[in-house]
Structures are given as structure tokens and as C-alpha cells.
C-alpha atoms as a PDB file:
ATOM      1  CA  MET A   1       0.000   0.000   0.000  1.00  0.00           C
ATOM      2  CA  SER A   2       1.457   3.369  -0.951  1.00  0.00           C
ATOM      3  CA  GLU A   3       1.872   6.206   1.511  1.00  0.00           C
ATOM      4  CA  ASN A   4      -0.731   8.265  -0.360  1.00  0.00           C
ATOM      5  CA  SER A   5      -3.348   5.528  -0.340  1.00  0.00           C
ATOM      6  CA  ASP A   6      -6.247   5.830   2.072  1.00  0.00           C
ATOM      7  CA  GLU A   7      -7.735   2.472   1.035  1.00  0.00           C
ATOM      8  CA  LYS A   8      -8.352   0.153   3.974  1.00  0.00           C
ATOM      9  CA  THR A   9      -6.759  -3.263   3.642  1.00  0.00           C
ATOM     10  CA  ARG A  10      -6.346  -6.274   5.839  1.00  0.00           C
ATOM     11  CA  ASP A  11      -4.430  -9.524   5.659  1.00  0.00           C
ATOM     12  CA  VAL A  12      -6.585 -12.530   4.827  1.00  0.00           C
ATOM     13  CA  MET A  13      -5.758 -16.178   4.444  1.00  0.00           C
ATOM     14  CA  ALA A  14      -6.045 -17.622   0.977  1.00  0.00           C
ATOM     15  CA  PRO A  15      -7.994 -20.867   0.497  1.00  0.00           C
ATOM     16  CA  GLY A  16      -5.913 -23.705   1.877  1.00  0.00           C
ATOM     17  CA  GLY A  17      -4.410 -21.526   4.619  1.00  0.00           C
ATOM     18  CA  GLU A  18      -1.575 -19.846   2.707  1.00  0.00           C
ATOM     19  CA  SER A  19      -1.083 -16.152   3.225  1.00  0.00           C
ATOM     20  CA  PRO A  20      -1.382 -14.249  -0.051  1.00  0.00           C
ATOM     21  CA  GLY A  21       1.472 -12.080  -1.240  1.00  0.00           C
ATOM     22  CA  ALA A  22      -0.476  -8.827  -0.861  1.00  0.00           C
ATOM     23  CA  PRO A  23      -3.403  -7.956   1.362  1.00  0.00           C
ATOM     24  CA  GLU A  24      -6.831  -7.897  -0.239  1.00  0.00           C
ATOM     25  CA  THR A  25      -9.271  -5.031   0.093  1.00  0.00           C
ATOM     26  CA  GLY A  26     -12.512  -5.494   1.993  1.00  0.00           C
ATOM     27  CA  ALA A  27     -14.307  -5.515  -1.370  1.00  0.00           C
ATOM     28  CA  ASP A  28     -12.470  -8.755  -2.215  1.00  0.00           C
ATOM     29  CA  LEU A  29     -13.636 -10.634   0.885  1.00  0.00           C
ATOM     30  CA  VAL A  30     -16.347 -13.240   0.475  1.00  0.00           C
ATOM     31  CA  HIS A  31     -18.642 -14.071   3.383  1.00  0.00           C
ATOM     32  CA  PRO A  32     -19.828 -17.718   3.328  1.00  0.00           C
ATOM     33  CA  TYR A  33     -23.509 -16.727   3.624  1.00  0.00           C
ATOM     34  CA  LEU A  34     -23.680 -13.126   2.470  1.00  0.00           C
ATOM     35  CA  GLY A  35     -21.444 -13.298  -0.608  1.00  0.00           C
ATOM     36  CA  MET A  36     -19.266 -10.365  -1.587  1.00  0.00           C
ATOM     37  CA  MET A  37     -18.666  -7.910   1.245  1.00  0.00           C
ATOM     38  CA  GLY A  38     -18.401  -4.324   0.165  1.00  0.00           C
ATOM     39  CA  ALA A  39     -19.742  -5.140  -3.292  1.00  0.00           C
ATOM     40  CA  GLY A  40     -20.206  -1.654  -4.585  1.00  0.00           C
ATOM     41  CA  PRO A  41     -20.073   1.851  -3.248  1.00  0.00           C
ATOM     42  CA  GLY A  42     -21.409   2.252   0.243  1.00  0.00           C
ATOM     43  CA  ALA A  43     -22.040  -1.447   0.871  1.00  0.00           C
ATOM     44  CA  GLU A  44     -19.626  -1.786   3.777  1.00  0.00           C
ATOM     45  CA  GLU A  45     -20.718  -2.399   7.361  1.00  0.00           C
ATOM     46  CA  GLY A  46     -21.229   0.893   9.157  1.00  0.00           C
ATOM     47  CA  THR A  47     -21.731   3.052   6.063  1.00  0.00           C
ATOM     48  CA  GLN A  48     -23.831   6.047   7.095  1.00  0.00           C
ATOM     49  CA  ALA A  49     -26.168   8.425   5.294  1.00  0.00           C
ATOM     50  CA  LEU A  50     -27.176  11.780   6.773  1.00  0.00           C
ATOM     51  CA  ALA A  51     -30.049  14.155   6.041  1.00  0.00           C
ATOM     52  CA  GLY A  52     -32.024  16.932   7.698  1.00  0.00           C
ATOM     53  CA  GLU A  53     -31.220  19.803  10.032  1.00  0.00           C
ATOM     54  CA  PRO A  54     -31.641  20.247  13.789  1.00  0.00           C
ATOM     55  CA  LEU A  55     -35.140  21.290  14.821  1.00  0.00           C
ATOM     56  CA  PRO A  56     -35.582  24.685  16.456  1.00  0.00           C
ATOM     57  CA  ASP A  57     -35.899  24.658  20.256  1.00  0.00           C
ATOM     58  CA  GLY A  58     -39.423  23.783  21.358  1.00  0.00           C
ATOM     59  CA  ALA A  59     -40.486  22.303  18.003  1.00  0.00           C
ATOM     60  CA  ALA A  60     -42.907  19.388  18.175  1.00  0.00           C
ATOM     61  CA  VAL A  61     -41.316  16.009  17.486  1.00  0.00           C
ATOM     62  CA  ALA A  62     -42.881  13.737  14.857  1.00  0.00           C
ATOM     63  CA  GLU A  63     -45.186  10.927  15.875  1.00  0.00           C
ATOM     64  CA  PRO A  64     -43.891   7.360  15.331  1.00  0.00           C
ATOM     65  CA  ALA A  65     -46.662   6.688  12.783  1.00  0.00           C
ATOM     66  CA  ALA A  66     -45.379   9.535  10.563  1.00  0.00           C
ATOM     67  CA  VAL A  67     -41.842   8.129  10.641  1.00  0.00           C
ATOM     68  CA  GLU A  68     -43.151   4.635   9.859  1.00  0.00           C
ATOM     69  CA  ALA A  69     -45.117   6.032   6.904  1.00  0.00           C
ATOM     70  CA  ALA A  70     -41.938   7.645   5.558  1.00  0.00           C
ATOM     71  CA  LEU A  71     -40.073   4.343   5.885  1.00  0.00           C
ATOM     72  CA  ARG A  72     -42.909   2.579   4.046  1.00  0.00           C
ATOM     73  CA  SER A  73     -42.524   5.058   1.160  1.00  0.00           C
ATOM     74  CA  VAL A  74     -39.101   3.615   0.232  1.00  0.00           C
ATOM     75  CA  TYR A  75     -39.185   0.527  -1.964  1.00  0.00           C
ATOM     76  CA  ASP A  76     -36.582  -2.077  -2.818  1.00  0.00           C
ATOM     77  CA  PRO A  77     -36.148  -1.708  -6.589  1.00  0.00           C
ATOM     78  CA  GLU A  78     -36.012  -5.470  -7.161  1.00  0.00           C
ATOM     79  CA  ILE A  79     -38.917  -6.470  -4.910  1.00  0.00           C
ATOM     80  CA  PRO A  80     -42.305  -4.698  -5.115  1.00  0.00           C
ATOM     81  CA  VAL A  81     -42.508  -4.268  -1.335  1.00  0.00           C
ATOM     82  CA  ASN A  82     -41.445  -1.359   0.858  1.00  0.00           C
ATOM     83  CA  ILE A  83     -38.321  -1.688   2.991  1.00  0.00           C
ATOM     84  CA  TYR A  84     -40.256  -1.509   6.270  1.00  0.00           C
ATOM     85  CA  ASP A  85     -42.441  -4.508   5.454  1.00  0.00           C
ATOM     86  CA  LEU A  86     -39.440  -6.355   4.014  1.00  0.00           C
ATOM     87  CA  GLY A  87     -37.904  -6.180   7.492  1.00  0.00           C
ATOM     88  CA  LEU A  88     -34.886  -4.142   6.377  1.00  0.00           C
ATOM     89  CA  ILE A  89     -35.270  -1.596   9.196  1.00  0.00           C
ATOM     90  CA  TYR A  90     -33.708  -3.070  12.325  1.00  0.00           C
ATOM     91  CA  ARG A  91     -33.997  -0.021  14.580  1.00  0.00           C
ATOM     92  CA  CYS A  92     -35.498   3.460  14.383  1.00  0.00           C
ATOM     93  CA  ASP A  93     -35.127   5.719  17.409  1.00  0.00           C
ATOM     94  CA  VAL A  94     -36.222   9.342  17.556  1.00  0.00           C
ATOM     95  CA  ASN A  95     -34.870  11.367  20.474  1.00  0.00           C
ATOM     96  CA  ASP A  96     -36.490  14.322  22.283  1.00  0.00           C
ATOM     97  CA  GLU A  97     -34.839  16.769  19.859  1.00  0.00           C
ATOM     98  CA  GLY A  98     -36.428  15.010  16.866  1.00  0.00           C
ATOM     99  CA  ASP A  99     -33.203  13.451  15.598  1.00  0.00           C
ATOM    100  CA  ALA A 100     -33.652   9.962  14.144  1.00  0.00           C
ATOM    101  CA  ASP A 101     -31.096   7.168  14.374  1.00  0.00           C
ATOM    102  CA  ILE A 102     -31.855   4.226  12.062  1.00  0.00           C
ATOM    103  CA  ASP A 103     -30.099   0.885  11.561  1.00  0.00           C
ATOM    104  CA  MET A 104     -30.971  -0.904   8.355  1.00  0.00           C
ATOM    105  CA  THR A 105     -29.817  -3.729   6.162  1.00  0.00           C
ATOM    106  CA  LEU A 106     -30.430  -4.802   2.589  1.00  0.00           C
ATOM    107  CA  THR A 107     -31.554  -8.116   1.182  1.00  0.00           C
ATOM    108  CA  ALA A 108     -27.981  -8.799   0.004  1.00  0.00           C
ATOM    109  CA  PRO A 109     -24.608  -6.999   0.158  1.00  0.00           C
ATOM    110  CA  ALA A 110     -24.386  -7.115  -3.648  1.00  0.00           C
ATOM    111  CA  CYS A 111     -27.694  -5.247  -3.924  1.00  0.00           C
ATOM    112  CA  PRO A 112     -27.355  -2.829  -6.854  1.00  0.00           C
ATOM    113  CA  VAL A 113     -28.606   0.066  -4.704  1.00  0.00           C
ATOM    114  CA  ALA A 114     -26.408  -0.676  -1.686  1.00  0.00           C
ATOM    115  CA  GLY A 115     -24.759   2.723  -1.908  1.00  0.00           C
ATOM    116  CA  GLU A 116     -28.011   4.602  -2.555  1.00  0.00           C
ATOM    117  CA  MET A 117     -30.679   3.004  -0.372  1.00  0.00           C
ATOM    118  CA  PRO A 118     -29.475   4.360   3.014  1.00  0.00           C
ATOM    119  CA  GLN A 119     -29.540   7.916   1.594  1.00  0.00           C
ATOM    120  CA  GLN A 120     -33.044   7.358   0.209  1.00  0.00           C
ATOM    121  CA  VAL A 121     -34.154   6.293   3.684  1.00  0.00           C
ATOM    122  CA  ALA A 122     -32.449   9.273   5.347  1.00  0.00           C
ATOM    123  CA  ASP A 123     -34.044  11.699   2.874  1.00  0.00           C
ATOM    124  CA  ALA A 124     -37.516  10.167   3.282  1.00  0.00           C
ATOM    125  CA  VAL A 125     -37.440  10.358   7.075  1.00  0.00           C
ATOM    126  CA  ALA A 126     -35.873  13.852   7.073  1.00  0.00           C
ATOM    127  CA  GLY A 127     -38.883  15.004   5.052  1.00  0.00           C
ATOM    128  CA  VAL A 128     -41.233  14.251   7.955  1.00  0.00           C
ATOM    129  CA  GLU A 129     -42.387  17.348   9.850  1.00  0.00           C
ATOM    130  CA  GLY A 130     -40.934  17.196  13.351  1.00  0.00           C
ATOM    131  CA  ILE A 131     -37.785  15.283  12.376  1.00  0.00           C
ATOM    132  CA  GLY A 132     -34.360  16.890  12.645  1.00  0.00           C
ATOM    133  CA  VAL A 133     -31.093  15.208  11.727  1.00  0.00           C
ATOM    134  CA  VAL A 134     -31.415  11.655  10.406  1.00  0.00           C
ATOM    135  CA  THR A 135     -28.543   9.166  10.578  1.00  0.00           C
ATOM    136  CA  VAL A 136     -28.989   5.860   8.744  1.00  0.00           C
ATOM    137  CA  THR A 137     -26.381   3.175   9.404  1.00  0.00           C
ATOM    138  CA  LEU A 138     -26.029   0.146   7.141  1.00  0.00           C
ATOM    139  CA  THR A 139     -25.429  -3.160   8.889  1.00  0.00           C
ATOM    140  CA  TRP A 140     -25.102  -6.759   7.759  1.00  0.00           C
ATOM    141  CA  SER A 141     -25.591  -8.252  11.204  1.00  0.00           C
ATOM    142  CA  PRO A 142     -27.803 -10.109  11.532  1.00  0.00           C
ATOM    143  CA  PRO A 143     -28.124 -10.996   7.861  1.00  0.00           C
ATOM    144  CA  TRP A 144     -31.570 -10.385   6.407  1.00  0.00           C
ATOM    145  CA  ARG A 145     -33.771 -13.464   5.984  1.00  0.00           C
ATOM    146  CA  PRO A 146     -37.146 -13.805   4.252  1.00  0.00           C
ATOM    147  CA  ASP A 147     -38.808 -14.686   7.567  1.00  0.00           C
ATOM    148  CA  MET A 148     -38.146 -11.068   8.693  1.00  0.00           C
ATOM    149  CA  MET A 149     -40.874  -9.844   6.310  1.00  0.00           C
ATOM    150  CA  SER A 150     -44.247  -8.735   7.622  1.00  0.00           C
ATOM    151  CA  GLU A 151     -47.358 -10.798   6.882  1.00  0.00           C
ATOM    152  CA  ASP A 152     -48.382  -8.103   4.368  1.00  0.00           C
ATOM    153  CA  ALA A 153     -45.088  -8.495   2.497  1.00  0.00           C
ATOM    154  CA  LYS A 154     -45.382 -12.273   2.437  1.00  0.00           C
ATOM    155  CA  LEU A 155     -48.933 -11.964   1.061  1.00  0.00           C
ATOM    156  CA  ALA A 156     -47.801  -9.479  -1.609  1.00  0.00           C
ATOM    157  CA  LEU A 157     -45.045 -11.848  -2.697  1.00  0.00           C
ATOM    158  CA  ASP A 158     -47.210 -15.019  -2.497  1.00  0.00           C
ATOM    159  CA  LEU A 159     -44.933 -16.618   0.079  1.00  0.00           C
ATOM    160  CA  PHE A 160     -47.610 -18.604   1.913  1.00  0.00           C
END
């Protein structure tokens, strides 16, 4: 790695236990269940998207139903179901100042919108009246599974 490089690398063991000659980037790592890790821009664990501005002092904070509606307005481009019903939202907390902190995943790390979906979520929630700064963090743990979908999503996809 050159002195001017800011690319993160780590040593990995090659198949069979030999150490490769040069370290591989995180984008080259293959998870046994998830596939390619870091497959595309913004697909790495912990990638964050930000949107919104702090609310003025004394502003009313959004109701949970309004935030849920915003989350339901974002759809996975490959599956005709919103991300909330797909079970891609693992956590959504709104504090007393109206700032939202969201943990989400995707159906697969190689998802073609891996680098875009967290920003779409942040923008959708930031558009809710009574929401300030929105931070969306991408996680792969635990990996998404089809049984995380709501009953509505399973009905829409004929999975019964």
C-alpha cells in the first residue's frame, strides 16, 4: 500500500491456509452466507447516510406513525414491497430533539442500490415534519432473511 493511499486493507488467508502475497481489500472478501462484502459503493458495514437539520428549540417532534409512513414510502427496486415490510429496518429511534437514528440492512450486500438506499431512507425520514437530523447506518448483522418480512409483504409476494 502506498503512503498516499487511504484504502483500507487487511491480511486474509487464501484458500488452503496460505497467506497471499499482498493484502486484499474489503471488497475482495467473500462471506460464506452473504457473498461479496463491500460489493459496490457504500455497501460496507457501518456506512452512514445523513439528512435533515436540527429542529428549532421547542419544536414538536414527529409521531412514530409519521416516521413509519416515511419508511414505508421507500421501496426495494427489485422487490415490489417497501423496505419496512421487508424487514430491512432493524432499529429506528427518535430522540427528544427530533433526531432519528436508524439501523438498516439490505436483502444482500451485492444489492445494486447498496450505496443509494441508506440515503433514500435518510431523505424520506428527514422530510417528515418534526424530524431533525437523520442518521442511517447500514449493517449486515444479523443478515436479512425472508422470515423477517411482515405478513403483508409475504402476502404481496405469495410466500404462503
